[in-house]
Amino acid sequence: MNRQLLFCVFLLTLGCLASQAQSPNTNPAKAYAESEVQKASDTFYRAFYAGDVDTVERMTRDDYLQTDVYGNVQDKTSWLAEYYRPLAERIKGGGLKLDNPKPSDFRIRLYGNVAVITGRTTLKGSVVSGQAQSRDLRFTQVWVKTAGKWQRGVYHNAFVPESSSNPSVRD
């Protein structure tokens, strides 16, 4: 009897140790949801930097709000009309070339059907004259999953001061 009890304790201890050895973030449902958000964000930005207005519009919620680097706030209609459609025309017409940057310090936080993405990126591009431009930004995006599809609902970005000594924020 003592041997059986000792064996059961051994198995329970082994099971506890094995579960602790796994990363605390190995929740498969969370990992899948994060990959869905990442995929939606990647698709959005490929379309954005290619001047694909239809895809960008479809992946942007109707109640979208954006606060730009100067503090201006736009809803979906005004953002598309005043900013993105003219930008897309310049991209497609060859008057502007934007590189699709890979963000750093990229984080996704999930809250049910809402995801908050934060990060830092360097925007790079050139105008027709070939003059290259580059600027560092920090951004926050809110994505909302509705009817099985992730759409961007909020975007806020800000220039990173050139003298910033804080390249990344840690939890």
Protein backbone atom coordinates (compact mmCIF):
# COMPACT_ATOMS: atom_id res chain seq x y z
CA MET A 1 0.00 0.00 0.00
CA ASN A 2 2.81 2.41 0.91
CA ARG A 3 4.54 1.66 -2.39
CA GLN A 4 1.37 2.43 -4.34
CA LEU A 5 0.88 5.68 -2.44
CA LEU A 6 4.52 6.62 -2.98
CA PHE A 7 4.20 5.80 -6.71
CA CYS A 8 1.05 8.00 -6.98
CA VAL A 9 2.85 10.89 -5.25
CA PHE A 10 5.77 10.40 -7.63
CA LEU A 11 3.46 10.54 -10.67
CA LEU A 12 1.69 13.66 -9.37
CA THR A 13 5.03 15.36 -8.72
CA LEU A 14 6.28 14.40 -12.17
CA GLY A 15 3.09 15.77 -13.73
CA CYS A 16 3.47 19.07 -11.84
CA LEU A 17 7.10 19.40 -12.90
CA ALA A 18 6.24 18.67 -16.51
CA SER A 19 3.50 21.30 -16.56
CA GLN A 20 5.85 23.88 -15.03
CA ALA A 21 8.47 23.12 -17.67
CA GLN A 22 6.11 24.33 -20.39
CA SER A 23 6.15 28.02 -21.16
CA PRO A 24 3.43 29.89 -19.25
CA ASN A 25 2.22 31.33 -22.58
CA THR A 26 1.48 28.03 -24.32
CA ASN A 27 -2.26 28.52 -24.36
CA PRO A 28 -3.15 27.15 -27.83
CA ALA A 29 -6.35 29.22 -28.16
CA LYS A 30 -4.48 32.42 -27.30
CA ALA A 31 -1.63 31.57 -29.66
CA TYR A 32 -4.12 30.89 -32.47
CA ALA A 33 -5.98 34.16 -31.85
CA GLU A 34 -2.70 36.09 -31.80
CA SER A 35 -1.69 34.48 -35.10
CA GLU A 36 -5.06 35.49 -36.60
CA VAL A 37 -4.54 39.11 -35.52
CA GLN A 38 -0.96 39.06 -36.81
CA LYS A 39 -2.15 37.70 -40.15
CA ALA A 40 -4.87 40.38 -40.40
CA SER A 41 -2.37 43.11 -39.58
CA ASP A 42 0.11 41.77 -42.15
CA THR A 43 -2.62 41.61 -44.82
CA PHE A 44 -3.74 45.15 -44.01
CA TYR A 45 -0.23 46.57 -44.29
CA ARG A 46 0.64 44.71 -47.49
CA ALA A 47 -2.49 46.26 -49.00
CA PHE A 48 -1.75 49.67 -47.45
CA TYR A 49 1.76 49.90 -48.89
CA ALA A 50 0.57 48.62 -52.28
CA GLY A 51 -2.15 51.28 -52.54
CA ASP A 52 -4.95 48.66 -52.41
CA VAL A 53 -7.86 50.89 -51.34
CA ASP A 54 -10.50 48.13 -51.54
CA THR A 55 -8.69 45.82 -49.12
CA VAL A 56 -7.79 48.63 -46.72
CA GLU A 57 -11.39 49.88 -46.72
CA ARG A 58 -12.80 46.38 -46.17
CA MET A 59 -10.41 45.73 -43.26
CA THR A 60 -11.25 49.04 -41.56
CA ARG A 61 -14.29 49.18 -39.28
CA ASP A 62 -17.08 51.62 -40.14
CA ASP A 63 -16.65 53.24 -36.69
CA TYR A 64 -12.88 53.60 -37.20
CA LEU A 65 -10.99 56.45 -35.54
CA GLN A 66 -7.42 57.53 -36.13
CA THR A 67 -5.31 60.03 -34.25
CA ASP A 68 -2.30 61.03 -36.34
CA VAL A 69 1.15 62.21 -35.28
CA TYR A 70 -0.09 65.81 -35.10
CA GLY A 71 -3.10 65.01 -32.91
CA ASN A 72 -5.70 65.21 -35.69
CA VAL A 73 -8.61 62.78 -35.32
CA GLN A 74 -10.35 61.30 -38.36
CA ASP A 75 -13.17 58.83 -38.81
CA LYS A 76 -13.12 56.19 -41.53
CA THR A 77 -14.76 58.36 -44.19
CA SER A 78 -12.48 61.35 -43.70
CA TRP A 79 -9.34 59.22 -43.27
CA LEU A 80 -10.00 57.41 -46.56
CA ALA A 81 -10.96 60.58 -48.45
CA GLU A 82 -8.37 62.99 -47.06
CA TYR A 83 -5.44 60.71 -46.42
CA TYR A 84 -5.44 57.17 -47.75
CA ARG A 85 -7.03 57.49 -51.21
CA PRO A 86 -4.68 60.35 -52.24
CA LEU A 87 -1.73 58.40 -50.81
CA ALA A 88 -2.79 55.24 -52.67
CA GLU A 89 -3.03 57.21 -55.94
CA ARG A 90 0.53 58.47 -55.48
CA ILE A 91 1.75 54.94 -54.70
CA LYS A 92 0.00 53.38 -57.69
CA GLY A 93 1.09 56.23 -59.96
CA GLY A 94 4.73 55.80 -58.99
CA GLY A 95 4.99 59.20 -57.34
CA LEU A 96 5.68 57.69 -53.95
CA LYS A 97 7.40 54.52 -52.91
CA LEU A 98 6.91 53.29 -49.36
CA ASP A 99 8.76 50.36 -47.88
CA ASN A 100 6.63 47.98 -45.84
CA PRO A 101 8.44 48.24 -42.52
CA LYS A 102 8.80 45.42 -40.06
CA PRO A 103 7.83 46.74 -36.64
CA SER A 104 9.99 46.21 -33.59
CA ASP A 105 8.85 45.89 -30.01
CA PHE A 106 5.65 44.43 -31.52
CA ARG A 107 3.12 43.17 -28.98
CA ILE A 108 -0.38 41.79 -29.24
CA ARG A 109 -2.66 41.76 -26.23
CA LEU A 110 -6.00 39.98 -26.45
CA TYR A 111 -9.20 40.91 -24.64
CA GLY A 112 -11.78 38.49 -26.02
CA ASN A 113 -12.71 39.71 -29.51
CA VAL A 114 -10.55 42.81 -29.14
CA ALA A 115 -6.80 42.94 -29.72
CA VAL A 116 -4.45 45.80 -28.92
CA ILE A 117 -1.23 45.94 -30.91
CA THR A 118 1.63 48.21 -29.90
CA GLY A 119 5.01 48.68 -31.45
CA ARG A 120 7.63 50.85 -33.02
CA THR A 121 8.45 51.16 -36.69
CA THR A 122 10.59 53.15 -39.07
CA LEU A 123 8.72 54.55 -42.04
CA LYS A 124 10.90 54.68 -45.12
CA GLY A 125 10.04 55.93 -48.55
CA SER A 126 10.99 58.14 -51.41
CA VAL A 127 9.20 60.62 -53.61
CA VAL A 128 9.52 60.77 -57.40
CA SER A 129 12.67 62.89 -57.13
CA GLY A 130 14.29 59.94 -55.37
CA GLN A 131 14.69 61.85 -52.13
CA ALA A 132 14.64 59.25 -49.35
CA GLN A 133 12.82 59.96 -46.13
CA SER A 134 12.74 58.06 -42.87
CA ARG A 135 10.98 58.59 -39.54
CA ASP A 136 10.51 56.50 -36.40
CA LEU A 137 6.99 56.05 -35.04
CA ARG A 138 5.34 54.36 -32.08
CA PHE A 139 1.84 53.08 -32.69
CA THR A 140 -1.18 51.59 -30.99
CA GLN A 141 -3.85 49.72 -32.95
CA VAL A 142 -7.12 48.26 -31.77
CA TRP A 143 -8.48 45.36 -33.81
CA VAL A 144 -12.00 43.98 -33.33
CA LYS A 145 -13.23 40.57 -34.42
CA THR A 146 -16.76 40.71 -35.79
CA ALA A 147 -18.48 37.91 -37.70
CA GLY A 148 -15.21 35.95 -37.70
CA LYS A 149 -13.13 38.73 -39.30
CA TRP A 150 -10.55 41.01 -37.69
CA GLN A 151 -10.86 44.69 -38.61
CA ARG A 152 -8.83 47.68 -37.53
CA GLY A 153 -10.95 49.93 -35.32
CA VAL A 154 -8.54 52.46 -33.86
CA TYR A 155 -5.07 53.67 -34.78
CA HIS A 156 -2.86 56.15 -32.98
CA ASN A 157 0.70 56.99 -33.85
CA ALA A 158 3.34 59.43 -32.68
CA PHE A 159 6.78 60.44 -33.84
CA VAL A 160 9.58 59.12 -31.66
CA PRO A 161 11.79 62.03 -30.62
CA GLU A 162 15.20 61.70 -32.26
CA SER A 163 16.83 61.90 -28.86
CA SER A 164 14.72 59.11 -27.40
CA SER A 165 16.78 56.98 -25.07
CA ASN A 166 13.92 54.54 -24.57
CA PRO A 167 13.88 52.29 -27.66
CA SER A 168 11.51 49.85 -26.05
CA VAL A 169 9.28 49.51 -23.06
CA ARG A 170 9.33 46.38 -20.97
CA ASP A 171 6.57 44.84 -18.93
